Amino acid sequence: MRSTKIFYLIMFSFLLTSCDFSCSVGDKKSKLKTKTVSSEDNNALNGAIIKNDIDLDATGVKLKEAYLMDASRNLLEKNEARLGEKIYLVIKLDTGWVKENGKSFIGASERVVTSAGRVVVSADDIFKDYELEGLDAVDSKLISLSAVITEADPGVDQFSVQFRVWDKKGNGEVKGKYTFSLKD
């Protein structure tokens, strides 16, 4: 429980000029159209449920589900958020990260780019503070990265989020991107 609280605290502490991101947990069902990956695709994605037009790839892990949630932890029906409202990417794994003494050692990066091509966030390793002690292996099977746009250039309301989560002790990796827009 202690590691989970520390995990959330550190992730919520990241704040940049126009965007911040964090790590958290959540699970709710929705009527949102989903894509179930077939066996013809990457085996790491076989049977995975991917929502919200998230484009992703996985290697060395078995992905269970990926979707977006709003600040109230509800599944997003549309990839939209208000200015100042967090949007969460949730990645659930069945198996994956190397475990050492009940800990997993993962890294995560996130890059947010405006439709005009301006990078508003570039975080190279969100879990850098856990390099030595690791994260609870059970907790690390459910990753949530968030972004919030706190200010936007005039006329810019579309954003692309590129993400990568990787195993620092093995070859497991989940990477991809999604887009969202600001709503009035």
Protein backbone atom coordinates (compact mmCIF):
# COMPACT_ATOMS: atom_id res chain seq x y z
CA MET A 1 0.00 0.00 0.00
CA ARG A 2 2.87 2.35 0.86
CA SER A 3 4.48 1.89 -2.56
CA THR A 4 1.15 2.59 -4.25
CA LYS A 5 0.75 5.88 -2.36
CA ILE A 6 4.33 6.91 -3.15
CA PHE A 7 3.75 5.90 -6.76
CA TYR A 8 0.69 8.18 -7.03
CA LEU A 9 2.35 11.04 -5.20
CA ILE A 10 5.36 11.13 -7.47
CA MET A 11 3.28 10.84 -10.62
CA PHE A 12 0.99 13.70 -9.58
CA SER A 13 4.01 15.87 -8.82
CA PHE A 14 4.98 16.20 -12.49
CA LEU A 15 3.77 19.57 -13.71
CA LEU A 16 5.04 21.40 -16.77
CA THR A 17 4.06 24.76 -18.18
CA SER A 18 1.22 23.53 -20.34
CA CYS A 19 0.79 19.92 -19.34
CA ASP A 20 1.27 17.42 -16.55
CA PHE A 21 0.92 13.70 -16.20
CA SER A 22 0.53 11.11 -13.46
CA CYS A 23 0.06 7.46 -12.73
CA SER A 24 -3.09 5.97 -11.23
CA VAL A 25 -5.55 3.09 -11.33
CA GLY A 26 -9.15 2.76 -12.51
CA ASP A 27 -11.55 0.36 -14.19
CA LYS A 28 -15.05 1.03 -15.48
CA LYS A 29 -17.05 -0.50 -18.32
CA SER A 30 -18.62 1.40 -21.21
CA LYS A 31 -20.63 0.99 -24.39
CA LEU A 32 -17.63 2.38 -26.27
CA LYS A 33 -16.80 0.61 -29.52
CA THR A 34 -13.82 -1.64 -28.92
CA LYS A 35 -11.29 -3.47 -31.03
CA THR A 36 -10.29 -6.97 -29.97
CA VAL A 37 -6.97 -7.91 -31.52
CA SER A 38 -7.01 -11.22 -33.39
CA SER A 39 -4.39 -13.95 -33.44
CA GLU A 40 -3.26 -12.74 -36.87
CA ASP A 41 -1.80 -9.67 -35.17
CA ASN A 42 1.15 -9.37 -32.79
CA ASN A 43 0.93 -12.25 -30.26
CA ALA A 44 1.53 -9.81 -27.38
CA LEU A 45 -1.75 -8.14 -28.39
CA ASN A 46 -3.74 -11.32 -29.17
CA GLY A 47 -7.10 -11.03 -27.40
CA ALA A 48 -6.36 -7.52 -26.10
CA ILE A 49 -9.22 -5.04 -25.98
CA ILE A 50 -8.18 -1.64 -27.31
CA LYS A 51 -10.52 1.35 -27.08
CA ASN A 52 -10.45 5.04 -28.03
CA ASP A 53 -8.52 4.53 -31.29
CA ILE A 54 -5.31 3.97 -29.37
CA ASP A 55 -2.58 2.85 -31.75
CA LEU A 56 -0.18 0.60 -29.89
CA ASP A 57 2.32 -2.20 -30.12
CA ALA A 58 3.63 -4.53 -27.43
CA THR A 59 6.60 -6.89 -27.23
CA GLY A 60 7.66 -9.22 -24.45
CA VAL A 61 4.42 -8.68 -22.51
CA LYS A 62 0.82 -9.84 -22.86
CA LEU A 63 -1.52 -6.87 -23.11
CA LYS A 64 -5.03 -7.28 -21.69
CA GLU A 65 -6.66 -3.88 -22.30
CA ALA A 66 -5.95 -0.23 -23.16
CA TYR A 67 -8.39 2.69 -22.96
CA LEU A 68 -8.83 6.37 -22.02
CA MET A 69 -10.64 7.77 -18.99
CA ASP A 70 -11.70 11.26 -17.93
CA ALA A 71 -10.86 13.08 -14.70
CA SER A 72 -13.82 11.40 -12.93
CA ARG A 73 -12.41 7.99 -13.90
CA ASN A 74 -15.16 7.32 -16.44
CA LEU A 75 -14.33 5.73 -19.78
CA LEU A 76 -14.15 8.37 -22.49
CA GLU A 77 -16.78 8.03 -25.19
CA LYS A 78 -14.90 10.60 -27.29
CA ASN A 79 -11.24 11.50 -27.06
CA GLU A 80 -11.96 14.94 -25.63
CA ALA A 81 -11.09 16.89 -22.50
CA ARG A 82 -11.63 20.42 -21.28
CA LEU A 83 -8.76 22.80 -20.70
CA GLY A 84 -7.32 21.89 -17.28
CA GLU A 85 -9.02 18.46 -17.20
CA LYS A 86 -6.90 15.29 -17.05
CA ILE A 87 -7.18 12.54 -19.61
CA TYR A 88 -5.87 9.12 -18.51
CA LEU A 89 -4.37 6.35 -20.63
CA VAL A 90 -4.88 3.00 -18.87
CA ILE A 91 -2.77 -0.01 -19.86
CA LYS A 92 -3.58 -3.39 -18.30
CA LEU A 93 -1.23 -6.35 -18.68
CA ASP A 94 -1.85 -10.06 -18.19
CA THR A 95 1.86 -10.88 -17.97
CA GLY A 96 5.07 -9.16 -18.73
CA TRP A 97 7.59 -7.33 -16.63
CA VAL A 98 10.54 -9.18 -15.12
CA LYS A 99 10.07 -9.62 -11.36
CA GLU A 100 12.89 -9.47 -8.82
CA ASN A 101 11.94 -9.97 -5.16
CA GLY A 102 8.32 -9.04 -5.91
CA LYS A 103 9.33 -5.83 -7.68
CA SER A 104 9.25 -4.70 -11.30
CA PHE A 105 11.55 -2.08 -12.71
CA ILE A 106 9.78 -0.16 -15.43
CA GLY A 107 10.19 3.13 -17.21
CA ALA A 108 7.58 5.28 -18.88
CA SER A 109 7.84 8.22 -21.23
CA GLU A 110 5.23 10.55 -22.63
CA ARG A 111 5.35 13.23 -25.28
CA VAL A 112 2.45 15.57 -26.06
CA VAL A 113 2.46 17.48 -29.35
CA THR A 114 -0.04 20.07 -30.63
CA SER A 115 -1.65 19.81 -34.05
CA ALA A 116 0.67 22.68 -35.02
CA GLY A 117 3.69 20.48 -34.19
CA ARG A 118 4.75 22.18 -30.95
CA VAL A 119 5.95 19.81 -28.21
CA VAL A 120 4.25 20.82 -24.95
CA VAL A 121 5.47 17.89 -22.84
CA SER A 122 8.47 15.62 -23.17
CA ALA A 123 9.04 13.34 -20.19
CA ASP A 124 11.82 10.81 -20.73
CA ASP A 125 11.39 8.55 -17.68
CA ILE A 126 8.44 9.12 -15.38
CA PHE A 127 9.51 6.25 -13.07
CA LYS A 128 13.17 7.28 -12.77
CA ASP A 129 12.82 7.71 -8.99
CA TYR A 130 12.07 3.96 -8.71
CA GLU A 131 15.17 2.71 -10.55
CA LEU A 132 16.75 1.27 -7.41
CA GLU A 133 13.77 0.11 -5.34
CA GLY A 134 11.36 -0.84 -8.14
CA LEU A 135 7.57 -0.94 -8.00
CA ASP A 136 5.32 -3.64 -6.62
CA ALA A 137 5.06 -6.26 -9.39
CA VAL A 138 1.27 -6.57 -8.99
CA ASP A 139 0.74 -2.79 -9.16
CA SER A 140 2.92 -2.48 -12.25
CA LYS A 141 0.51 -4.66 -14.28
CA LEU A 142 -1.90 -1.69 -14.32
CA ILE A 143 -0.30 1.50 -15.63
CA SER A 144 -2.08 4.82 -15.97
CA LEU A 145 -0.44 7.86 -17.52
CA SER A 146 -2.29 11.15 -17.57
CA ALA A 147 -1.95 14.45 -19.36
CA VAL A 148 -3.69 17.75 -18.83
CA ILE A 149 -3.53 20.77 -21.07
CA THR A 150 -3.53 23.85 -18.84
CA GLU A 151 -3.11 26.38 -21.63
CA ALA A 152 -3.33 26.18 -25.40
CA ASP A 153 -2.15 28.38 -28.22
CA PRO A 154 -4.96 30.22 -30.04
CA GLY A 155 -6.58 27.97 -32.64
CA VAL A 156 -4.92 24.79 -31.34
CA ASP A 157 -7.33 22.21 -29.96
CA GLN A 158 -5.86 18.88 -31.17
CA PHE A 159 -3.10 16.99 -29.36
CA SER A 160 -1.19 13.80 -30.05
CA VAL A 161 0.18 11.81 -27.12
CA GLN A 162 3.04 9.39 -27.76
CA PHE A 163 3.84 6.99 -24.94
CA ARG A 164 6.19 4.17 -24.10
CA VAL A 165 6.35 1.88 -21.06
CA TRP A 166 9.30 -0.51 -20.86
CA ASP A 167 10.95 -3.08 -18.61
CA LYS A 168 14.36 -1.97 -17.36
CA LYS A 169 15.29 -5.57 -16.49
CA GLY A 170 13.87 -7.31 -19.57
CA ASN A 171 12.64 -6.80 -23.11
CA GLY A 172 8.98 -6.01 -22.36
CA GLU A 173 7.60 -2.85 -23.94
CA VAL A 174 4.28 -1.19 -24.73
CA LYS A 175 4.36 1.87 -26.97
CA GLY A 176 1.92 3.82 -29.05
CA LYS A 177 -0.06 6.99 -29.47
CA TYR A 178 -3.52 8.48 -29.29
CA THR A 179 -5.05 11.83 -30.11
CA PHE A 180 -7.52 13.98 -28.26
CA SER A 181 -9.07 17.38 -28.67
CA LEU A 182 -10.15 20.14 -26.33
CA LYS A 183 -13.87 20.60 -25.92
CA ASP A 184 -15.52 23.93 -25.21
